[in-house]
Protein backbone atom coordinates (compact mmCIF):
# COMPACT_ATOMS: atom_id res chain seq x y z
CA MET A 1 75.53 158.32 -79.33
CA THR A 2 75.01 161.63 -78.46
CA ASP A 3 71.60 161.23 -77.25
CA VAL A 4 69.92 161.79 -74.07
CA VAL A 5 66.97 159.04 -72.85
CA ASP A 6 64.98 158.63 -69.99
CA SER A 7 65.06 155.50 -67.69
CA ASP A 8 61.75 154.09 -69.11
CA GLU A 9 63.56 154.79 -72.58
CA LEU A 10 66.62 152.66 -71.70
CA LEU A 11 64.53 149.93 -70.21
CA ARG A 12 62.64 149.53 -73.29
CA ARG A 13 66.42 149.27 -74.85
CA ILE A 14 67.87 147.14 -72.23
CA GLN A 15 64.47 144.56 -72.95
CA ARG A 16 63.97 144.61 -76.46
CA ALA A 17 68.78 144.06 -76.69
CA ARG A 18 68.01 140.77 -74.34
CA ALA A 19 64.52 139.41 -76.86
CA CYS A 20 67.17 140.09 -79.08
CA ALA A 21 70.02 137.68 -77.89
CA ALA A 22 67.42 135.42 -76.46
CA GLU A 23 66.10 134.46 -80.19
CA GLU A 24 70.11 134.88 -81.58
CA GLU A 25 70.36 131.71 -78.74
CA ARG A 26 67.89 129.91 -79.92
CA SER A 27 68.20 129.98 -84.01
CA TRP A 28 71.69 129.06 -82.75
CA ARG A 29 70.90 125.78 -80.68
CA ALA A 30 68.36 124.94 -83.77
CA ARG A 31 71.29 125.21 -85.90
CA SER A 32 73.74 123.20 -83.86
CA ASP A 33 71.46 120.81 -84.00
CA GLU A 34 70.30 120.47 -87.22
CA LEU A 35 74.23 120.08 -87.77
CA GLU A 36 75.50 117.76 -85.85
CA PRO A 37 75.03 114.26 -88.07
CA SER A 38 75.96 116.22 -90.41
CA ASP A 39 78.85 118.33 -89.73
CA PRO A 40 80.24 118.27 -86.33
CA GLU A 41 82.62 120.77 -86.21
CA ALA A 42 79.82 123.62 -87.54
CA ALA A 43 77.26 121.72 -84.82
CA ARG A 44 80.64 122.97 -81.58
CA ASP A 45 80.84 126.21 -83.83
CA ALA A 46 77.32 127.29 -83.51
CA ALA A 47 77.10 125.63 -80.08
CA VAL A 48 79.60 128.10 -78.52
CA ARG A 49 77.48 131.32 -80.17
CA THR A 50 74.71 129.47 -77.59
CA LEU A 51 76.21 129.70 -74.83
CA ALA A 52 77.44 132.69 -76.09
CA TYR A 53 73.87 134.23 -76.32
CA GLU A 54 72.77 133.18 -73.48
CA ALA A 55 75.32 134.39 -71.53
CA VAL A 56 74.05 138.24 -72.86
CA THR A 57 70.77 136.92 -72.25
CA ARG A 58 70.47 136.22 -68.91
CA VAL A 59 73.24 139.12 -68.29
CA LEU A 60 70.04 141.18 -69.33
CA ASP A 61 67.69 139.65 -67.23
CA GLU A 62 70.35 140.91 -64.23
CA VAL A 63 70.13 144.40 -65.32
CA ILE A 64 66.07 143.95 -65.64
CA ARG A 65 65.55 142.10 -62.82
CA PRO A 66 68.21 141.89 -60.15
CA GLY A 67 68.74 138.61 -58.33
CA SER A 68 66.39 136.81 -60.77
CA ARG A 69 68.82 134.07 -61.56
């Protein structure tokens, strides 16, 4: 990645990454809820992934809006 980007483009990229992480968090949370009755081990794995995407979302929120959390 050798492209030079201005601050507006960097902010747009961070916002897109945050939106992607938030969507993945929702997806894994739904998958965890869906798997809980039939496959508890897979549900736990999905719950861990949910937590990971939640952490990414929180970090990117802090980058976009410092002190918001």
